[in-house]
Amino acid sequence: MLKLDYLQQLLIVAIALSVITCAFIQKTKRYFKSSKYLSIYSFFVNMLVGILFCITFTNVDFPTSLWIGLFSFIGADTIYRTLEGKLSSYKDVINKNTVTIPKENIINEEDEK
């Protein structure tokens, strides 16, 4: 079963990390003349800072910190916004007691008169 709550928590950590790494990369990008090298540099910065950030501020293990670094590089904010409505647990979806009745099945008292 997919751990949606855990994924949501990882994405929130990755959003905080991406803010930090984006600011750092913006300050240091003047040293790169090509965007190809800047992308590689951004990937390594996100992975390295992601590992250090997770070791320091969270209790996640090493493989999970690599995922957080990758989410940060890809764009955690975009991923989170895409999945925002879909990250509710399946139990919540099943327990919702909403019923939609089609308009043609609704009987009005005025129609009967």
C-alpha atoms as a PDB file:
ATOM      1  CA  MET A   1       0.000   0.000   0.000  1.00  0.00           C
ATOM      2  CA  LEU A   2       1.247   3.460  -0.852  1.00  0.00           C
ATOM      3  CA  LYS A   3       2.080   5.600   2.186  1.00  0.00           C
ATOM      4  CA  LEU A   4       0.468   8.842   1.052  1.00  0.00           C
ATOM      5  CA  ASP A   5       0.849  10.655   4.379  1.00  0.00           C
ATOM      6  CA  TYR A   6       4.559   9.839   4.426  1.00  0.00           C
ATOM      7  CA  LEU A   7       4.938  11.021   0.829  1.00  0.00           C
ATOM      8  CA  GLN A   8       3.217  14.275   1.746  1.00  0.00           C
ATOM      9  CA  GLN A   9       5.613  14.790   4.661  1.00  0.00           C
ATOM     10  CA  LEU A  10       8.616  14.128   2.400  1.00  0.00           C
ATOM     11  CA  LEU A  11       7.344  16.638  -0.143  1.00  0.00           C
ATOM     12  CA  ILE A  12       6.926  19.292   2.541  1.00  0.00           C
ATOM     13  CA  VAL A  13      10.534  18.756   3.650  1.00  0.00           C
ATOM     14  CA  ALA A  14      11.616  18.883  -0.004  1.00  0.00           C
ATOM     15  CA  ILE A  15       9.798  22.194  -0.489  1.00  0.00           C
ATOM     16  CA  ALA A  16      11.758  23.733   2.392  1.00  0.00           C
ATOM     17  CA  LEU A  17      14.951  22.272   0.983  1.00  0.00           C
ATOM     18  CA  SER A  18      14.259  23.549  -2.534  1.00  0.00           C
ATOM     19  CA  VAL A  19      13.832  27.099  -1.228  1.00  0.00           C
ATOM     20  CA  ILE A  20      17.264  26.916   0.396  1.00  0.00           C
ATOM     21  CA  THR A  21      19.015  25.287  -2.563  1.00  0.00           C
ATOM     22  CA  CYS A  22      17.356  27.602  -5.078  1.00  0.00           C
ATOM     23  CA  ALA A  23      18.652  30.650  -3.217  1.00  0.00           C
ATOM     24  CA  PHE A  24      22.128  29.108  -2.997  1.00  0.00           C
ATOM     25  CA  ILE A  25      22.204  28.227  -6.697  1.00  0.00           C
ATOM     26  CA  GLN A  26      20.997  31.709  -7.669  1.00  0.00           C
ATOM     27  CA  LYS A  27      23.887  33.229  -5.719  1.00  0.00           C
ATOM     28  CA  THR A  28      26.499  30.913  -7.259  1.00  0.00           C
ATOM     29  CA  LYS A  29      25.267  30.495 -10.840  1.00  0.00           C
ATOM     30  CA  ARG A  30      27.453  33.286 -12.194  1.00  0.00           C
ATOM     31  CA  TYR A  31      30.388  30.850 -12.169  1.00  0.00           C
ATOM     32  CA  PHE A  32      28.769  28.714 -14.890  1.00  0.00           C
ATOM     33  CA  LYS A  33      28.654  29.826 -18.486  1.00  0.00           C
ATOM     34  CA  SER A  34      26.501  26.962 -19.787  1.00  0.00           C
ATOM     35  CA  SER A  35      23.066  25.929 -18.560  1.00  0.00           C
ATOM     36  CA  LYS A  36      24.079  22.293 -19.054  1.00  0.00           C
ATOM     37  CA  TYR A  37      26.686  22.588 -16.322  1.00  0.00           C
ATOM     38  CA  LEU A  38      24.315  24.601 -14.176  1.00  0.00           C
ATOM     39  CA  SER A  39      21.757  21.774 -14.257  1.00  0.00           C
ATOM     40  CA  ILE A  40      24.364  19.216 -13.203  1.00  0.00           C
ATOM     41  CA  TYR A  41      25.567  21.582 -10.481  1.00  0.00           C
ATOM     42  CA  SER A  42      21.983  22.103  -9.303  1.00  0.00           C
ATOM     43  CA  PHE A  43      21.425  18.333  -9.140  1.00  0.00           C
ATOM     44  CA  PHE A  44      24.527  17.754  -7.018  1.00  0.00           C
ATOM     45  CA  VAL A  45      23.745  20.682  -4.725  1.00  0.00           C
ATOM     46  CA  ASN A  46      20.190  19.431  -4.177  1.00  0.00           C
ATOM     47  CA  MET A  47      21.377  15.892  -3.436  1.00  0.00           C
ATOM     48  CA  LEU A  48      24.221  16.957  -1.128  1.00  0.00           C
ATOM     49  CA  VAL A  49      22.246  19.575   0.761  1.00  0.00           C
ATOM     50  CA  GLY A  50      19.265  17.189   0.854  1.00  0.00           C
ATOM     51  CA  ILE A  51      21.330  14.528   2.615  1.00  0.00           C
ATOM     52  CA  LEU A  52      22.852  17.018   5.054  1.00  0.00           C
ATOM     53  CA  PHE A  53      19.499  18.724   5.678  1.00  0.00           C
ATOM     54  CA  CYS A  54      17.778  15.417   6.432  1.00  0.00           C
ATOM     55  CA  ILE A  55      20.544  14.155   8.690  1.00  0.00           C
ATOM     56  CA  THR A  56      20.514  17.406  10.638  1.00  0.00           C
ATOM     57  CA  PHE A  57      16.838  18.333  10.887  1.00  0.00           C
ATOM     58  CA  THR A  58      14.851  15.105  10.407  1.00  0.00           C
ATOM     59  CA  ASN A  59      14.979  11.491  11.470  1.00  0.00           C
ATOM     60  CA  VAL A  60      14.737   9.957   7.990  1.00  0.00           C
ATOM     61  CA  ASP A  61      17.251   7.403   6.751  1.00  0.00           C
ATOM     62  CA  PHE A  62      19.802   7.819   3.961  1.00  0.00           C
ATOM     63  CA  PRO A  63      17.728   6.426   1.039  1.00  0.00           C
ATOM     64  CA  THR A  64      14.807   8.651   2.003  1.00  0.00           C
ATOM     65  CA  SER A  65      17.089  11.679   2.106  1.00  0.00           C
ATOM     66  CA  LEU A  66      18.122  10.858  -1.471  1.00  0.00           C
ATOM     67  CA  TRP A  67      14.448  10.913  -2.472  1.00  0.00           C
ATOM     68  CA  ILE A  68      14.023  14.276  -0.776  1.00  0.00           C
ATOM     69  CA  GLY A  69      17.032  15.625  -2.678  1.00  0.00           C
ATOM     70  CA  LEU A  70      15.573  14.323  -5.941  1.00  0.00           C
ATOM     71  CA  PHE A  71      12.146  15.820  -5.180  1.00  0.00           C
ATOM     72  CA  SER A  72      13.851  19.109  -4.425  1.00  0.00           C
ATOM     73  CA  PHE A  73      15.714  19.026  -7.744  1.00  0.00           C
ATOM     74  CA  ILE A  74      12.603  18.150  -9.759  1.00  0.00           C
ATOM     75  CA  GLY A  75      10.520  20.782  -8.029  1.00  0.00           C
ATOM     76  CA  ALA A  76       8.795  19.693  -4.859  1.00  0.00           C
ATOM     77  CA  ASP A  77       6.385  22.613  -4.930  1.00  0.00           C
ATOM     78  CA  THR A  78       5.070  21.595  -8.343  1.00  0.00           C
ATOM     79  CA  ILE A  79       4.791  17.945  -7.311  1.00  0.00           C
ATOM     80  CA  TYR A  80       2.975  18.888  -4.107  1.00  0.00           C
ATOM     81  CA  ARG A  81       0.491  21.127  -5.907  1.00  0.00           C
ATOM     82  CA  THR A  82      -0.168  18.393  -8.461  1.00  0.00           C
ATOM     83  CA  LEU A  83      -0.832  15.781  -5.778  1.00  0.00           C
ATOM     84  CA  GLU A  84      -2.432  18.105  -3.225  1.00  0.00           C
ATOM     85  CA  GLY A  85      -6.005  16.913  -3.632  1.00  0.00           C
ATOM     86  CA  LYS A  86      -4.945  13.314  -4.149  1.00  0.00           C
ATOM     87  CA  LEU A  87      -2.922  12.879  -0.962  1.00  0.00           C
ATOM     88  CA  SER A  88      -5.870  12.117   1.297  1.00  0.00           C
ATOM     89  CA  SER A  89      -5.854   8.602   2.635  1.00  0.00           C
ATOM     90  CA  TYR A  90      -8.053   5.956   1.093  1.00  0.00           C
ATOM     91  CA  LYS A  91      -9.854   5.498   4.402  1.00  0.00           C
ATOM     92  CA  ASP A  92     -11.039   9.120   4.278  1.00  0.00           C
ATOM     93  CA  VAL A  93     -12.325   8.640   0.749  1.00  0.00           C
ATOM     94  CA  ILE A  94     -14.174   5.458   1.676  1.00  0.00           C
ATOM     95  CA  ASN A  95     -15.659   6.930   4.859  1.00  0.00           C
ATOM     96  CA  LYS A  96     -17.180   9.955   3.129  1.00  0.00           C
ATOM     97  CA  ASN A  97     -20.924   9.574   3.269  1.00  0.00           C
ATOM     98  CA  THR A  98     -21.873  11.810   0.388  1.00  0.00           C
ATOM     99  CA  VAL A  99     -24.511  10.722  -2.064  1.00  0.00           C
ATOM    100  CA  THR A 100     -25.290  12.551  -5.256  1.00  0.00           C
ATOM    101  CA  ILE A 101     -28.785  12.260  -6.634  1.00  0.00           C
ATOM    102  CA  PRO A 102     -29.351  13.040 -10.307  1.00  0.00           C
ATOM    103  CA  LYS A 103     -31.715  15.949 -10.952  1.00  0.00           C
ATOM    104  CA  GLU A 104     -34.239  13.791 -12.780  1.00  0.00           C
ATOM    105  CA  ASN A 105     -34.671  11.600  -9.676  1.00  0.00           C
ATOM    106  CA  ILE A 106     -35.592  14.482  -7.366  1.00  0.00           C
ATOM    107  CA  ILE A 107     -39.332  14.710  -6.709  1.00  0.00           C
ATOM    108  CA  ASN A 108     -40.690  18.147  -5.960  1.00  0.00           C
ATOM    109  CA  GLU A 109     -44.001  18.677  -4.224  1.00  0.00           C
ATOM    110  CA  GLU A 110     -44.913  21.319  -6.803  1.00  0.00           C
ATOM    111  CA  ASP A 111     -44.616  18.778  -9.629  1.00  0.00           C
ATOM    112  CA  GLU A 112     -47.188  16.501  -7.987  1.00  0.00           C
ATOM    113  CA  LYS A 113     -49.949  19.191  -7.817  1.00  0.00           C
END
